[in-house]
Amino acid sequence: MPAYSFKQRFVPFVEDGSKPHTIRGRRKKGFAKKGDILYHYFGLRTKWCRKLREEICTNVRTIIITATDIYLISYRISDKDVQIEEDHLNAHGKPTNGIRLDDTLRNTFAWHDGFRPEGSTRDQPGDAFNLMIQFWISTHQLPFIGDLIDWLPTEEGLKKAKCISNDKKSNQLAN
């Protein structure tokens, strides 16, 4: 029963179904697997806890985030391979494995992850990656190697994603 808590800035996108994934640190036990029911909450383990939705996990992959790039590996690598990737990143500045997302894909990925610059849309994500990386630098140590947990976005969420995101709260770095 993987349960995930989301920061306030991501709640509207989880609730409306337009956020199709989450990025999480690796867990040795209890990590999501394809077919699992994912339970999404705001304020998990607090008196303000609120269930947002349930989704079916469609995939778990490894993601590597650096200050300038995102790399996706098509499967969840082993703990042993994480150490190999970390060593290679430190020595060479890039991983041994994974596909590097280009500028367009980085911005699209970041927009879907919930980093939505004012006036941006799914089709015109603007500089969403810059917003994302500012957040990651302030909240995580880079490079980051973790799990990208996917679920299917709802049809309702995809329709809303075509609309302009004017939620100024979504542009703040942290809540």
Foldseek 3Di string as FASTA:
>chain_A
DAEDEDFPLCLVLLQQLLQFKEWDAADPPDDDDQQDKYWYWHPPPDPPIDTRDIFGWHAKWKWWDALVWIWTARHHDDPVVVVQQVVCCVVPVGGPDGDIDDQVRLLLNLVSNLQAPAFAASVRRDNSNVLVSVLCVVPHDPRGITMITGGHGDPSSNVCRRDTDHPVSSSDSHD
